[in-house]
């Protein structure tokens, strides 16, 4: 039960009745899972009173709540690797949902994705060709060992921006990958020298060692 002007909770929302017979109904956000075209009904019993005579009558106010399609809800993706880690894939749908429970996917239309990268100082960084790619649309392919030039402690932050779609609405999402450099062991080049047995002594420079 409720009183004129106060909020009365229903099954799918809340109702306010006013003395002039008008009312306001606010659907609850908890029913966002209704699919497009799906309808539920909220009912409120009320009593109308004739001011002059005091006569009353009882009736039911029925409110139909129709679901609308909701856009996918994106969950930003983060990943951290070192330059020595193996190639790996990121599921671009991971963590994201659709309130209606309908399917969604990465929008594969041209111009809907972008890839940017910055170094540890925030300056633009040119990615090695093929280091980050999305050959199948739904997954991002990352090759950390292509960042072998990074010094120990240096890092590159890559941001892949894309859209999730349920074929009606799009939602922006991002995958942020941080690749950190590690200390690499020296790479030794094998040195060979060939001289006849009767040649004089000679010096081999070890500067070829990297």
Protein backbone atom coordinates (compact mmCIF):
# COMPACT_ATOMS: atom_id res chain seq x y z
CA UNK A 1 0.00 0.00 0.00
CA UNK A 2 1.04 3.59 -0.47
CA UNK A 3 -0.14 7.18 -0.23
CA UNK A 4 -0.75 9.93 -2.74
CA UNK A 5 2.52 11.52 -3.82
CA UNK A 6 4.74 8.82 -2.34
CA UNK A 7 6.66 6.16 -4.26
CA UNK A 8 5.15 2.70 -4.38
CA UNK A 9 7.46 -0.17 -5.33
CA UNK A 10 6.24 -2.58 -7.96
CA UNK A 11 7.76 -5.71 -9.45
CA UNK A 12 9.62 -3.95 -12.26
CA UNK A 13 9.66 -0.32 -11.17
CA UNK A 14 8.11 2.30 -8.90
CA UNK A 15 4.90 4.32 -9.17
CA UNK A 16 3.81 7.71 -7.88
CA UNK A 17 0.12 8.66 -7.90
CA UNK A 18 -1.03 12.27 -7.66
CA UNK A 19 -4.29 13.78 -6.41
CA UNK A 20 -5.36 14.85 -9.89
CA UNK A 21 -5.26 11.23 -11.05
CA UNK A 22 -1.99 11.50 -12.97
CA UNK A 23 0.90 9.21 -12.21
CA UNK A 24 4.58 8.67 -12.91
CA UNK A 25 6.18 5.27 -13.38
CA UNK A 26 9.94 4.67 -13.40
CA UNK A 27 11.20 1.29 -14.57
CA UNK A 28 13.97 -0.29 -12.52
CA UNK A 29 17.44 -0.56 -14.04
CA UNK A 30 17.43 -4.16 -12.77
CA UNK A 31 15.27 -5.15 -15.75
CA UNK A 32 17.84 -4.10 -18.33
CA UNK A 33 18.10 -7.77 -19.22
CA UNK A 34 14.79 -7.64 -21.07
CA UNK A 35 15.34 -8.47 -24.71
CA UNK A 36 14.17 -6.20 -27.51
CA UNK A 37 10.37 -6.55 -27.80
CA UNK A 38 10.04 -8.59 -24.59
CA UNK A 39 7.20 -7.28 -22.40
CA UNK A 40 6.49 -7.61 -18.67
CA UNK A 41 3.59 -6.13 -16.73
CA UNK A 42 3.48 -4.26 -13.44
CA UNK A 43 0.13 -3.98 -11.67
CA UNK A 44 -0.99 -1.62 -8.90
CA UNK A 45 -4.30 -1.75 -7.03
CA UNK A 46 -5.77 1.63 -6.16
CA UNK A 47 -8.93 3.16 -4.74
CA UNK A 48 -10.67 6.19 -6.28
CA UNK A 49 -12.89 8.32 -4.01
CA UNK A 50 -15.64 10.73 -5.09
CA UNK A 51 -15.04 13.86 -3.05
CA UNK A 52 -18.66 15.02 -2.99
CA UNK A 53 -20.31 11.74 -2.03
CA UNK A 54 -17.44 9.78 -0.50
CA UNK A 55 -18.17 6.86 -2.80
CA UNK A 56 -15.16 4.70 -3.62
CA UNK A 57 -14.24 2.33 -6.39
CA UNK A 58 -11.38 -0.09 -6.74
CA UNK A 59 -9.35 -0.59 -9.89
CA UNK A 60 -6.06 -1.96 -11.17
CA UNK A 61 -3.48 0.10 -13.03
CA UNK A 62 -1.52 -2.12 -15.41
CA UNK A 63 1.74 -0.84 -16.87
CA UNK A 64 3.48 -2.64 -19.71
CA UNK A 65 7.27 -2.45 -19.72
CA UNK A 66 8.85 -3.26 -23.06
CA UNK A 67 12.50 -4.19 -23.38
CA UNK A 68 14.82 -2.41 -25.78
CA UNK A 69 18.11 -3.58 -27.18
CA UNK A 70 21.05 -2.52 -25.00
CA UNK A 71 24.57 -1.98 -26.26
CA UNK A 72 27.33 -4.39 -25.15
CA UNK A 73 29.08 -3.44 -21.92
CA UNK A 74 32.83 -3.33 -22.52
CA UNK A 75 35.49 -4.46 -20.07
CA UNK A 76 38.92 -2.95 -20.86
CA UNK A 77 41.67 -5.55 -21.31
CA UNK A 78 45.20 -5.21 -19.95
CA UNK A 79 48.20 -7.47 -20.49
CA UNK A 80 51.84 -7.24 -19.38
CA UNK A 81 54.72 -9.25 -20.87
CA UNK A 82 58.49 -9.08 -21.23
CA UNK A 83 60.36 -9.13 -24.52
CA UNK A 84 61.41 -12.73 -23.78
CA UNK A 85 57.86 -14.09 -23.59
CA UNK A 86 56.39 -16.28 -26.31
CA UNK A 87 53.85 -15.10 -28.86
CA UNK A 88 50.31 -15.12 -27.48
CA UNK A 89 46.72 -14.18 -28.31
CA UNK A 90 44.22 -11.95 -26.51
CA UNK A 91 40.48 -12.67 -26.73
CA UNK A 92 38.99 -9.25 -27.52
CA UNK A 93 35.57 -10.31 -26.18
CA UNK A 94 36.96 -11.37 -22.80
CA UNK A 95 35.19 -9.87 -19.79
CA UNK A 96 32.62 -7.94 -21.83
CA UNK A 97 28.90 -8.68 -21.62
CA UNK A 98 25.55 -7.84 -23.18
CA UNK A 99 22.76 -6.91 -20.73
CA UNK A 100 20.19 -8.65 -22.94
CA UNK A 101 22.17 -11.87 -23.03
CA UNK A 102 22.41 -11.65 -26.80
CA UNK A 103 25.55 -12.38 -28.76
CA UNK A 104 28.08 -9.71 -29.64
CA UNK A 105 31.40 -9.61 -31.47
CA UNK A 106 34.20 -7.36 -32.61
CA UNK A 107 33.06 -4.98 -35.32
CA UNK A 108 35.16 -5.93 -38.31
CA UNK A 109 34.22 -2.95 -40.48
CA UNK A 110 37.06 -0.98 -42.01
CA UNK A 111 38.21 1.98 -39.93
CA UNK A 112 36.81 0.71 -36.62
CA UNK A 113 40.17 -0.24 -35.09
CA UNK A 114 43.38 1.62 -34.33
CA UNK A 115 46.77 0.74 -32.85
CA UNK A 116 49.00 3.25 -31.08
CA UNK A 117 52.14 2.89 -28.98
CA UNK A 118 54.23 5.06 -26.68
CA UNK A 119 57.53 4.49 -24.93
CA UNK A 120 58.24 4.94 -21.23
CA UNK A 121 58.53 8.70 -21.72
CA UNK A 122 55.13 8.93 -23.34
CA UNK A 123 56.63 9.58 -26.78
CA UNK A 124 55.21 7.94 -29.88
CA UNK A 125 56.79 4.58 -30.65
CA UNK A 126 56.88 2.92 -34.05
CA UNK A 127 55.83 -0.70 -33.74
CA UNK A 128 57.83 -3.38 -35.57
CA UNK A 129 55.83 -4.69 -38.51
CA UNK A 130 53.65 -7.62 -37.45
CA UNK A 131 54.33 -7.20 -33.73
CA UNK A 132 50.62 -6.67 -33.03
CA UNK A 133 47.88 -7.82 -35.38
CA UNK A 134 44.30 -9.07 -35.45
CA UNK A 135 44.27 -11.51 -38.36
CA UNK A 136 41.01 -13.16 -37.31
CA UNK A 137 39.24 -10.13 -35.86
CA UNK A 138 38.20 -11.74 -32.58
CA UNK A 139 41.73 -12.16 -31.19
CA UNK A 140 44.77 -9.91 -30.99
CA UNK A 141 48.10 -11.55 -31.84
CA UNK A 142 51.11 -10.19 -29.92
CA UNK A 143 54.77 -11.05 -30.52
CA UNK A 144 56.82 -9.80 -27.52
CA UNK A 145 60.16 -11.04 -28.89
CA UNK A 146 59.91 -8.46 -31.67
CA UNK A 147 60.71 -5.85 -28.97
CA UNK A 148 64.14 -7.32 -28.27
CA UNK A 149 65.76 -3.92 -28.81
CA UNK A 150 64.33 -2.66 -25.50
CA UNK A 151 66.93 -2.15 -22.79
CA UNK A 152 66.50 -3.59 -19.33
CA UNK A 153 63.58 -1.76 -17.66
CA UNK A 154 62.45 0.07 -20.78
CA UNK A 155 58.84 -0.42 -21.81
CA UNK A 156 56.39 0.14 -24.60
CA UNK A 157 52.64 0.55 -24.03
CA UNK A 158 50.45 -0.50 -26.95
CA UNK A 159 46.78 0.48 -27.14
CA UNK A 160 44.48 -1.37 -29.50
CA UNK A 161 41.10 0.37 -29.81
CA UNK A 162 38.11 -1.44 -31.29
CA UNK A 163 34.33 -1.68 -31.23
CA UNK A 164 32.10 -4.39 -29.82
CA UNK A 165 28.76 -4.71 -31.60
CA UNK A 166 25.50 -6.60 -31.29
CA UNK A 167 24.75 -5.59 -34.89
CA UNK A 168 22.69 -2.61 -33.73
CA UNK A 169 24.80 -0.74 -31.18
CA UNK A 170 28.57 -0.33 -30.90
CA UNK A 171 30.61 0.05 -27.72
CA UNK A 172 34.22 1.27 -27.68
CA UNK A 173 36.77 -0.94 -25.95
CA UNK A 174 40.56 -1.09 -25.63
CA UNK A 175 43.25 -3.70 -25.12
CA UNK A 176 46.36 -2.24 -23.48
CA UNK A 177 49.56 -4.27 -23.71
CA UNK A 178 52.78 -3.38 -21.90
CA UNK A 179 56.02 -4.94 -23.12
CA UNK A 180 59.04 -4.55 -20.83
CA UNK A 181 62.68 -5.00 -21.83
CA UNK A 182 65.02 -7.31 -19.93
CA UNK A 183 68.78 -7.58 -19.74
CA UNK A 184 70.04 -9.65 -22.66
CA UNK A 185 73.22 -11.72 -22.52
CA UNK A 186 76.02 -10.70 -24.93
CA UNK A 187 75.85 -12.31 -28.36
CA UNK A 188 79.23 -13.77 -29.32
CA UNK A 189 80.22 -14.08 -32.96
CA UNK A 190 82.52 -16.99 -33.77
CA UNK A 191 85.90 -15.70 -34.99
CA UNK A 192 87.94 -17.69 -37.48
CA UNK A 193 91.30 -16.90 -39.04
CA UNK A 194 93.21 -18.92 -41.62
CA UNK A 195 96.94 -18.51 -42.23
CA UNK A 196 99.66 -20.66 -43.81
CA UNK A 197 101.86 -22.52 -41.31
CA UNK A 198 104.96 -20.46 -42.19
CA UNK A 199 103.26 -17.05 -41.66
CA UNK A 200 104.47 -14.84 -38.90
CA UNK A 201 102.47 -14.31 -35.75
CA UNK A 202 99.37 -12.17 -36.08
CA UNK A 203 96.82 -10.48 -33.86
CA UNK A 204 93.08 -11.18 -33.96
CA UNK A 205 90.92 -8.35 -32.69
CA UNK A 206 88.17 -9.47 -30.34
CA UNK A 207 86.11 -6.41 -31.14
CA UNK A 208 83.87 -8.69 -33.14
CA UNK A 209 82.41 -9.85 -29.86
CA UNK A 210 79.07 -8.07 -29.34
